[in-house]
Amino acid sequence: VKGLTTAAGLWTSAVIGLSCGAGYVELTMF
């Protein structure tokens, strides 16, 4: 199986985008 890390990275990028949109800048950068 290949691509699991990439899939997890996409999901994490989406969650980071959500935290950024919510204004939680510190969490986004961390």
PDB file of all heavy atoms in Angstrom:
ATOM      1  N   VAL A   1       0.847  -1.190   0.000  1.00  0.00           N
ATOM      2  CA  VAL A   1       0.000   0.000   0.000  1.00  0.00           C
ATOM      3  C   VAL A   1       0.883   1.242   0.000  1.00  0.00           C
ATOM      4  O   VAL A   1       1.781   1.377   0.839  1.00  0.00           O
ATOM      5  CB  VAL A   1      -0.935   0.006   1.227  1.00  0.00           C
ATOM      6  CG1 VAL A   1      -1.787   1.265   1.237  1.00  0.00           C
ATOM      7  CG2 VAL A   1      -1.814  -1.238   1.223  1.00  0.00           C
ATOM      8  N   LYS A   2       0.633   2.138  -0.949  1.00  0.00           N
ATOM      9  CA  LYS A   2       1.382   3.385  -1.025  1.00  0.00           C
ATOM     10  C   LYS A   2       0.396   4.549  -1.054  1.00  0.00           C
ATOM     11  O   LYS A   2      -0.700   4.429  -1.587  1.00  0.00           O
ATOM     12  CB  LYS A   2       2.266   3.418  -2.280  1.00  0.00           C
ATOM     13  CG  LYS A   2       3.309   2.319  -2.334  1.00  0.00           C
ATOM     14  CD  LYS A   2       4.235   2.491  -3.516  1.00  0.00           C
ATOM     15  CE  LYS A   2       5.101   3.726  -3.381  1.00  0.00           C
ATOM     16  NZ  LYS A   2       6.091   3.843  -4.481  1.00  0.00           N
ATOM     17  N   GLY A   3       0.798   5.664  -0.508  1.00  0.00           N
ATOM     18  CA  GLY A   3      -0.028   6.863  -0.559  1.00  0.00           C
ATOM     19  C   GLY A   3      -0.720   7.213   0.735  1.00  0.00           C
ATOM     20  O   GLY A   3      -1.394   8.239   0.820  1.00  0.00           O
ATOM     21  N   LEU A   4      -0.569   6.378   1.772  1.00  0.00           N
ATOM     22  CA  LEU A   4      -1.251   6.657   3.038  1.00  0.00           C
ATOM     23  C   LEU A   4      -0.735   7.938   3.682  1.00  0.00           C
ATOM     24  O   LEU A   4      -1.505   8.731   4.227  1.00  0.00           O
ATOM     25  CB  LEU A   4      -1.067   5.475   4.007  1.00  0.00           C
ATOM     26  CG  LEU A   4      -1.939   4.238   3.754  1.00  0.00           C
ATOM     27  CD1 LEU A   4      -1.550   3.118   4.702  1.00  0.00           C
ATOM     28  CD2 LEU A   4      -3.407   4.568   3.905  1.00  0.00           C
ATOM     29  N   THR A   5       0.579   8.149   3.610  1.00  0.00           N
ATOM     30  CA  THR A   5       1.152   9.364   4.200  1.00  0.00           C
ATOM     31  C   THR A   5       0.673  10.604   3.458  1.00  0.00           C
ATOM     32  O   THR A   5       0.360  11.632   4.075  1.00  0.00           O
ATOM     33  CB  THR A   5       2.690   9.298   4.168  1.00  0.00           C
ATOM     34  OG1 THR A   5       3.119   8.131   4.870  1.00  0.00           O
ATOM     35  CG2 THR A   5       3.296  10.528   4.834  1.00  0.00           C
ATOM     36  N   THR A   6       0.587  10.519   2.139  1.00  0.00           N
ATOM     37  CA  THR A   6       0.087  11.646   1.351  1.00  0.00           C
ATOM     38  C   THR A   6      -1.368  11.938   1.683  1.00  0.00           C
ATOM     39  O   THR A   6      -1.768  13.102   1.829  1.00  0.00           O
ATOM     40  CB  THR A   6       0.230  11.353  -0.154  1.00  0.00           C
ATOM     41  OG1 THR A   6       1.607  11.123  -0.457  1.00  0.00           O
ATOM     42  CG2 THR A   6      -0.273  12.524  -0.986  1.00  0.00           C
ATOM     43  N   ALA A   7      -2.171  10.882   1.818  1.00  0.00           N
ATOM     44  CA  ALA A   7      -3.587  11.061   2.175  1.00  0.00           C
ATOM     45  C   ALA A   7      -3.719  11.703   3.553  1.00  0.00           C
ATOM     46  O   ALA A   7      -4.539  12.608   3.757  1.00  0.00           O
ATOM     47  CB  ALA A   7      -4.303   9.712   2.149  1.00  0.00           C
ATOM     48  N   ALA A   8      -2.890  11.248   4.493  1.00  0.00           N
ATOM     49  CA  ALA A   8      -2.920  11.838   5.834  1.00  0.00           C
ATOM     50  C   ALA A   8      -2.466  13.292   5.795  1.00  0.00           C
ATOM     51  O   ALA A   8      -2.999  14.149   6.524  1.00  0.00           O
ATOM     52  CB  ALA A   8      -2.022  11.032   6.782  1.00  0.00           C
ATOM     53  N   GLY A   9      -1.493  13.590   4.930  1.00  0.00           N
ATOM     54  CA  GLY A   9      -1.026  14.968   4.790  1.00  0.00           C
ATOM     55  C   GLY A   9      -2.096  15.882   4.223  1.00  0.00           C
ATOM     56  O   GLY A   9      -2.232  17.041   4.653  1.00  0.00           O
ATOM     57  N   LEU A  10      -2.877  15.385   3.269  1.00  0.00           N
ATOM     58  CA  LEU A  10      -3.980  16.176   2.708  1.00  0.00           C
ATOM     59  C   LEU A  10      -5.027  16.464   3.777  1.00  0.00           C
ATOM     60  O   LEU A  10      -5.541  17.581   3.882  1.00  0.00           O
ATOM     61  CB  LEU A  10      -4.614  15.418   1.542  1.00  0.00           C
ATOM     62  CG  LEU A  10      -3.804  15.367   0.240  1.00  0.00           C
ATOM     63  CD1 LEU A  10      -4.467  14.426  -0.751  1.00  0.00           C
ATOM     64  CD2 LEU A  10      -3.653  16.753  -0.364  1.00  0.00           C
ATOM     65  N   TRP A  11      -5.363  15.444   4.556  1.00  0.00           N
ATOM     66  CA  TRP A  11      -6.346  15.632   5.625  1.00  0.00           C
ATOM     67  C   TRP A  11      -5.847  16.651   6.641  1.00  0.00           C
ATOM     68  O   TRP A  11      -6.581  17.526   7.082  1.00  0.00           O
ATOM     69  CB  TRP A  11      -6.615  14.288   6.297  1.00  0.00           C
ATOM     70  CG  TRP A  11      -7.715  14.329   7.315  1.00  0.00           C
ATOM     71  CD1 TRP A  11      -9.056  14.181   7.081  1.00  0.00           C
ATOM     72  CD2 TRP A  11      -7.569  14.538   8.725  1.00  0.00           C
ATOM     73  NE1 TRP A  11      -9.746  14.271   8.262  1.00  0.00           N
ATOM     74  CE2 TRP A  11      -8.866  14.497   9.293  1.00  0.00           C
ATOM     75  CE3 TRP A  11      -6.487  14.755   9.564  1.00  0.00           C
ATOM     76  CZ2 TRP A  11      -9.094  14.656  10.656  1.00  0.00           C
ATOM     77  CZ3 TRP A  11      -6.706  14.913  10.922  1.00  0.00           C
ATOM     78  CH2 TRP A  11      -7.997  14.869  11.453  1.00  0.00           C
ATOM     79  N   THR A  12      -4.563  16.534   7.004  1.00  0.00           N
ATOM     80  CA  THR A  12      -3.990  17.470   7.974  1.00  0.00           C
ATOM     81  C   THR A  12      -3.939  18.885   7.411  1.00  0.00           C
ATOM     82  O   THR A  12      -4.187  19.856   8.141  1.00  0.00           O
ATOM     83  CB  THR A  12      -2.568  17.021   8.367  1.00  0.00           C
ATOM     84  OG1 THR A  12      -2.609  15.664   8.838  1.00  0.00           O
ATOM     85  CG2 THR A  12      -2.002  17.898   9.470  1.00  0.00           C
ATOM     86  N   SER A  13      -3.623  19.030   6.123  1.00  0.00           N
ATOM     87  CA  SER A  13      -3.623  20.353   5.496  1.00  0.00           C
ATOM     88  C   SER A  13      -4.996  20.993   5.549  1.00  0.00           C
ATOM     89  O   SER A  13      -5.125  22.205   5.757  1.00  0.00           O
ATOM     90  CB  SER A  13      -3.158  20.240   4.031  1.00  0.00           C
ATOM     91  OG  SER A  13      -1.806  19.869   3.954  1.00  0.00           O
ATOM     92  N   ALA A  14      -6.022  20.164   5.366  1.00  0.00           N
ATOM     93  CA  ALA A  14      -7.391  20.681   5.439  1.00  0.00           C
ATOM     94  C   ALA A  14      -7.708  21.171   6.854  1.00  0.00           C
ATOM     95  O   ALA A  14      -8.292  22.248   7.036  1.00  0.00           O
ATOM     96  CB  ALA A  14      -8.383  19.599   5.009  1.00  0.00           C
ATOM     97  N   VAL A  15      -7.307  20.394   7.854  1.00  0.00           N
ATOM     98  CA  VAL A  15      -7.575  20.795   9.241  1.00  0.00           C
ATOM     99  C   VAL A  15      -6.774  22.050   9.606  1.00  0.00           C
ATOM    100  O   VAL A  15      -7.271  22.938  10.305  1.00  0.00           O
ATOM    101  CB  VAL A  15      -7.236  19.638  10.205  1.00  0.00           C
ATOM    102  CG1 VAL A  15      -7.448  20.074  11.645  1.00  0.00           C
ATOM    103  CG2 VAL A  15      -8.104  18.420   9.895  1.00  0.00           C
ATOM    104  N   ILE A  16      -5.543  22.130   9.104  1.00  0.00           N
ATOM    105  CA  ILE A  16      -4.738  23.333   9.335  1.00  0.00           C
ATOM    106  C   ILE A  16      -5.399  24.541   8.687  1.00  0.00           C
ATOM    107  O   ILE A  16      -5.431  25.636   9.258  1.00  0.00           O
ATOM    108  CB  ILE A  16      -3.307  23.133   8.788  1.00  0.00           C
ATOM    109  CG1 ILE A  16      -2.534  22.170   9.691  1.00  0.00           C
ATOM    110  CG2 ILE A  16      -2.559  24.463   8.693  1.00  0.00           C
ATOM    111  CD1 ILE A  16      -1.156  21.797   9.174  1.00  0.00           C
ATOM    112  N   GLY A  17      -5.967  24.352   7.502  1.00  0.00           N
ATOM    113  CA  GLY A  17      -6.701  25.430   6.848  1.00  0.00           C
ATOM    114  C   GLY A  17      -7.906  25.869   7.662  1.00  0.00           C
ATOM    115  O   GLY A  17      -8.215  27.066   7.752  1.00  0.00           O
ATOM    116  N   LEU A  18      -8.582  24.910   8.286  1.00  0.00           N
ATOM    117  CA  LEU A  18      -9.730  25.239   9.134  1.00  0.00           C
ATOM    118  C   LEU A  18      -9.300  26.064  10.347  1.00  0.00           C
ATOM    119  O   LEU A  18      -9.950  27.056  10.701  1.00  0.00           O
ATOM    120  CB  LEU A  18     -10.421  23.961   9.605  1.00  0.00           C
ATOM    121  CG  LEU A  18     -11.169  23.145   8.537  1.00  0.00           C
ATOM    122  CD1 LEU A  18     -11.684  21.840   9.138  1.00  0.00           C
ATOM    123  CD2 LEU A  18     -12.316  23.945   7.945  1.00  0.00           C
ATOM    124  N   SER A  19      -8.213  25.644  10.988  1.00  0.00           N
ATOM    125  CA  SER A  19      -7.744  26.386  12.162  1.00  0.00           C
ATOM    126  C   SER A  19      -7.293  27.788  11.779  1.00  0.00           C
ATOM    127  O   SER A  19      -7.498  28.746  12.531  1.00  0.00           O
ATOM    128  CB  SER A  19      -6.599  25.626  12.839  1.00  0.00           C
ATOM    129  OG  SER A  19      -5.435  25.630  12.033  1.00  0.00           O
ATOM    130  N   CYS A  20      -6.700  27.904  10.586  1.00  0.00           N
ATOM    131  CA  CYS A  20      -6.274  29.226  10.120  1.00  0.00           C
ATOM    132  C   CYS A  20      -7.478  30.105   9.829  1.00  0.00           C
ATOM    133  O   CYS A  20      -7.518  31.286  10.197  1.00  0.00           O
ATOM    134  CB  CYS A  20      -5.401  29.073   8.876  1.00  0.00           C
ATOM    135  SG  CYS A  20      -4.651  30.606   8.313  1.00  0.00           S
ATOM    136  N   GLY A  21      -8.481  29.546   9.173  1.00  0.00           N
ATOM    137  CA  GLY A  21      -9.682  30.307   8.872  1.00  0.00           C
ATOM    138  C   GLY A  21     -10.425  30.742  10.121  1.00  0.00           C
ATOM    139  O   GLY A  21     -11.057  31.804  10.146  1.00  0.00           O
ATOM    140  N   ALA A  22     -10.320  29.940  11.173  1.00  0.00           N
ATOM    141  CA  ALA A  22     -10.971  30.285  12.429  1.00  0.00           C
ATOM    142  C   ALA A  22     -10.201  31.352  13.205  1.00  0.00           C
ATOM    143  O   ALA A  22     -10.701  31.852  14.214  1.00  0.00           O
ATOM    144  CB  ALA A  22     -11.133  29.035  13.293  1.00  0.00           C
ATOM    145  N   GLY A  23      -9.000  31.678  12.741  1.00  0.00           N
ATOM    146  CA  GLY A  23      -8.203  32.707  13.399  1.00  0.00           C
ATOM    147  C   GLY A  23      -7.249  32.191  14.448  1.00  0.00           C
ATOM    148  O   GLY A  23      -6.617  32.979  15.168  1.00  0.00           O
ATOM    149  N   TYR A  24      -7.110  30.877  14.549  1.00  0.00           N
ATOM    150  CA  TYR A  24      -6.201  30.298  15.529  1.00  0.00           C
ATOM    151  C   TYR A  24      -4.815  30.228  14.885  1.00  0.00           C
ATOM    152  O   TYR A  24      -4.326  29.156  14.513  1.00  0.00           O
ATOM    153  CB  TYR A  24      -6.693  28.918  15.940  1.00  0.00           C
ATOM    154  CG  TYR A  24      -6.158  28.424  17.268  1.00  0.00           C
ATOM    155  CD1 TYR A  24      -6.696  27.294  17.872  1.00  0.00           C
ATOM    156  CD2 TYR A  24      -5.120  29.074  17.923  1.00  0.00           C
ATOM    157  CE1 TYR A  24      -6.226  26.838  19.092  1.00  0.00           C
ATOM    158  CE2 TYR A  24      -4.633  28.623  19.140  1.00  0.00           C
ATOM    159  CZ  TYR A  24      -5.188  27.504  19.714  1.00  0.00           C
ATOM    160  OH  TYR A  24      -4.703  27.044  20.927  1.00  0.00           O
ATOM    161  N   VAL A  25      -4.173  31.369  14.772  1.00  0.00           N
ATOM    162  CA  VAL A  25      -2.911  31.490  14.057  1.00  0.00           C
ATOM    163  C   VAL A  25      -1.808  30.676  14.712  1.00  0.00           C
ATOM    164  O   VAL A  25      -1.001  30.017  14.041  1.00  0.00           O
ATOM    165  CB  VAL A  25      -2.499  32.972  13.954  1.00  0.00           C
ATOM    166  CG1 VAL A  25      -1.148  33.119  13.245  1.00  0.00           C
ATOM    167  CG2 VAL A  25      -3.566  33.772  13.219  1.00  0.00           C
ATOM    168  N   GLU A  26      -1.754  30.715  16.043  1.00  0.00           N
ATOM    169  CA  GLU A  26      -0.692  30.013  16.758  1.00  0.00           C
ATOM    170  C   GLU A  26      -0.740  28.510  16.475  1.00  0.00           C
ATOM    171  O   GLU A  26       0.287  27.887  16.202  1.00  0.00           O
ATOM    172  CB  GLU A  26      -0.811  30.261  18.267  1.00  0.00           C
ATOM    173  CG  GLU A  26      -0.615  31.717  18.685  1.00  0.00           C
ATOM    174  CD  GLU A  26      -1.907  32.533  18.628  1.00  0.00           C
ATOM    175  OE1 GLU A  26      -2.897  32.049  18.029  1.00  0.00           O
ATOM    176  OE2 GLU A  26      -1.925  33.616  19.204  1.00  0.00           O
ATOM    177  N   LEU A  27      -1.943  27.939  16.529  1.00  0.00           N
ATOM    178  CA  LEU A  27      -2.087  26.510  16.263  1.00  0.00           C
ATOM    179  C   LEU A  27      -1.721  26.190  14.823  1.00  0.00           C
ATOM    180  O   LEU A  27      -1.096  25.158  14.551  1.00  0.00           O
ATOM    181  CB  LEU A  27      -3.523  26.061  16.557  1.00  0.00           C
ATOM    182  CG  LEU A  27      -3.844  24.598  16.229  1.00  0.00           C
ATOM    183  CD1 LEU A  27      -2.990  23.659  17.071  1.00  0.00           C
ATOM    184  CD2 LEU A  27      -5.322  24.302  16.440  1.00  0.00           C
ATOM    185  N   THR A  28      -2.103  27.055  13.911  1.00  0.00           N
ATOM    186  CA  THR A  28      -1.809  26.835  12.494  1.00  0.00           C
ATOM    187  C   THR A  28      -0.311  26.701  12.256  1.00  0.00           C
ATOM    188  O   THR A  28       0.149  25.761  11.593  1.00  0.00           O
ATOM    189  CB  THR A  28      -2.368  27.994  11.652  1.00  0.00           C
ATOM    190  OG1 THR A  28      -3.777  28.064  11.823  1.00  0.00           O
ATOM    191  CG2 THR A  28      -2.043  27.791  10.181  1.00  0.00           C
ATOM    192  N   MET A  29       0.451  27.627  12.785  1.00  0.00           N
ATOM    193  CA  MET A  29       1.894  27.604  12.577  1.00  0.00           C
ATOM    194  C   MET A  29       2.546  26.441  13.316  1.00  0.00           C
ATOM    195  O   MET A  29       3.463  25.795  12.800  1.00  0.00           O
ATOM    196  CB  MET A  29       2.500  28.939  13.018  1.00  0.00           C
ATOM    197  CG  MET A  29       2.043  30.120  12.165  1.00  0.00           C
ATOM    198  SD  MET A  29       2.941  31.650  12.491  1.00  0.00           S
ATOM    199  CE  MET A  29       2.390  31.998  14.178  1.00  0.00           C
ATOM    200  N   PHE A  30       2.072  26.169  14.533  1.00  0.00           N
ATOM    201  CA  PHE A  30       2.647  25.073  15.310  1.00  0.00           C
ATOM    202  C   PHE A  30       2.356  23.728  14.648  1.00  0.00           C
ATOM    203  O   PHE A  30       3.228  22.858  14.576  1.00  0.00           O
ATOM    204  CB  PHE A  30       2.085  25.102  16.730  1.00  0.00           C
ATOM    205  CG  PHE A  30       2.709  24.093  17.646  1.00  0.00           C
ATOM    206  CD1 PHE A  30       4.003  24.254  18.109  1.00  0.00           C
ATOM    207  CD2 PHE A  30       1.996  22.967  18.050  1.00  0.00           C
ATOM    208  CE1 PHE A  30       4.586  23.323  18.955  1.00  0.00           C
ATOM    209  CE2 PHE A  30       2.573  22.027  18.892  1.00  0.00           C
ATOM    210  CZ  PHE A  30       3.865  22.205  19.350  1.00  0.00           C
TER     211      PHE A  30
END
